[in-house]
Amino acid sequence: MGDAAKAMQIGGNFNTRIVMRVENTETAEILTEKLSEVDVPTMQVASMASDSNDPTDFAEFQSRNEDRITIETAHADAGTGATAAGRPSP
């Protein structure tokens, strides 16, 4: 391309960037500045069950199921392919 200004103009015209590996820190910083924050959903499934040996107790068996969903906002890190929360970026 010849000069940095022309390279920046061409890079600015791309809406989708796929970064495999860069050779210098300056290019890596330019590309990581363009990354946005992402929401990282996490789902935790919990299940419990209990029973009673008391023959007079009407509730002989109880169960409980839960789905817990949390969402963290993280800045994507192009160097590792992971987010700041340590999970793969979507």
Protein backbone atom coordinates (compact mmCIF):
# COMPACT_ATOMS: atom_id res chain seq x y z
CA MET A 1 0.00 0.00 0.00
CA GLY A 2 2.88 2.35 0.54
CA ASP A 3 1.91 4.44 3.54
CA ALA A 4 0.17 4.15 6.92
CA ALA A 5 -2.60 6.64 6.08
CA LYS A 6 -3.71 4.59 3.07
CA ALA A 7 -3.62 1.39 5.14
CA MET A 8 -5.78 3.02 7.85
CA GLN A 9 -8.28 4.18 5.21
CA ILE A 10 -8.58 0.69 3.76
CA GLY A 11 -8.86 -0.92 7.23
CA GLY A 12 -11.56 1.60 8.17
CA ASN A 13 -13.73 0.45 5.28
CA PHE A 14 -14.17 -3.08 6.67
CA ASN A 15 -17.19 -3.88 8.85
CA THR A 16 -16.02 -7.43 9.64
CA ARG A 17 -12.50 -8.05 10.86
CA ILE A 18 -10.95 -11.47 11.28
CA VAL A 19 -7.62 -11.27 13.07
CA MET A 20 -5.47 -14.37 13.01
CA ARG A 21 -2.08 -12.97 14.00
CA VAL A 22 -0.30 -9.67 13.61
CA GLU A 23 3.42 -9.06 13.45
CA ASN A 24 3.77 -5.84 15.42
CA THR A 25 2.34 -4.19 18.50
CA GLU A 26 1.12 -1.08 16.65
CA THR A 27 -1.16 -3.14 14.38
CA ALA A 28 -2.42 -5.19 17.33
CA GLU A 29 -3.33 -2.02 19.25
CA ILE A 30 -5.16 -0.55 16.25
CA LEU A 31 -7.23 -3.71 15.85
CA THR A 32 -8.01 -4.22 19.56
CA GLU A 33 -9.20 -0.60 19.87
CA LYS A 34 -11.92 -1.49 17.35
CA LEU A 35 -13.27 -4.35 19.45
CA SER A 36 -16.44 -3.63 21.34
CA GLU A 37 -17.65 -4.83 24.69
CA VAL A 38 -19.74 -7.98 24.53
CA ASP A 39 -22.33 -9.53 26.83
CA VAL A 40 -21.31 -13.00 27.99
CA PRO A 41 -24.24 -15.07 29.27
CA THR A 42 -23.58 -17.88 31.74
CA MET A 43 -26.15 -20.48 32.74
CA GLN A 44 -25.90 -22.55 35.91
CA VAL A 45 -28.28 -25.47 36.40
CA ALA A 46 -29.11 -26.58 39.95
CA SER A 47 -31.17 -29.60 40.96
CA MET A 48 -32.02 -30.95 44.43
CA ALA A 49 -34.08 -33.84 45.75
CA SER A 50 -34.91 -35.04 49.26
CA ASP A 51 -37.11 -37.66 50.83
CA SER A 52 -38.48 -38.47 54.27
CA ASN A 53 -38.39 -41.72 56.25
CA ASP A 54 -41.26 -40.58 58.47
CA PRO A 55 -44.39 -42.62 57.51
CA THR A 56 -46.69 -39.93 58.99
CA ASP A 57 -45.17 -37.20 56.84
CA PHE A 58 -47.38 -36.48 53.82
CA ALA A 59 -44.50 -34.97 51.82
CA GLU A 60 -42.46 -38.10 51.15
CA PHE A 61 -40.46 -36.61 48.30
CA GLN A 62 -39.48 -33.07 47.31
CA SER A 63 -37.57 -31.85 44.29
CA ARG A 64 -36.34 -28.49 43.08
CA ASN A 65 -34.84 -27.38 39.74
CA GLU A 66 -33.35 -23.98 38.96
CA ASP A 67 -31.76 -22.30 35.97
CA ARG A 68 -29.64 -19.30 36.93
CA ILE A 69 -28.58 -16.97 34.14
CA THR A 70 -26.03 -14.20 34.67
CA ILE A 71 -24.69 -11.78 32.09
CA GLU A 72 -21.24 -10.19 32.34
CA THR A 73 -20.06 -7.39 30.10
CA ALA A 74 -16.49 -7.96 28.96
CA HIS A 75 -14.04 -6.42 26.52
CA ALA A 76 -12.97 -8.89 23.84
CA ASP A 77 -9.23 -9.60 23.69
CA ALA A 78 -7.95 -10.30 20.18
CA GLY A 79 -4.66 -11.66 21.47
CA THR A 80 -6.19 -14.70 23.13
CA GLY A 81 -9.56 -15.04 21.41
CA ALA A 82 -11.18 -14.74 24.84
CA THR A 83 -13.06 -12.08 26.69
CA ALA A 84 -11.89 -10.40 29.87
CA ALA A 85 -14.14 -12.83 31.74
CA GLY A 86 -12.00 -15.69 30.40
CA ARG A 87 -14.61 -17.18 28.10
CA PRO A 88 -14.40 -17.48 24.32
CA SER A 89 -15.78 -14.45 22.59
CA PRO A 90 -18.93 -15.01 20.55
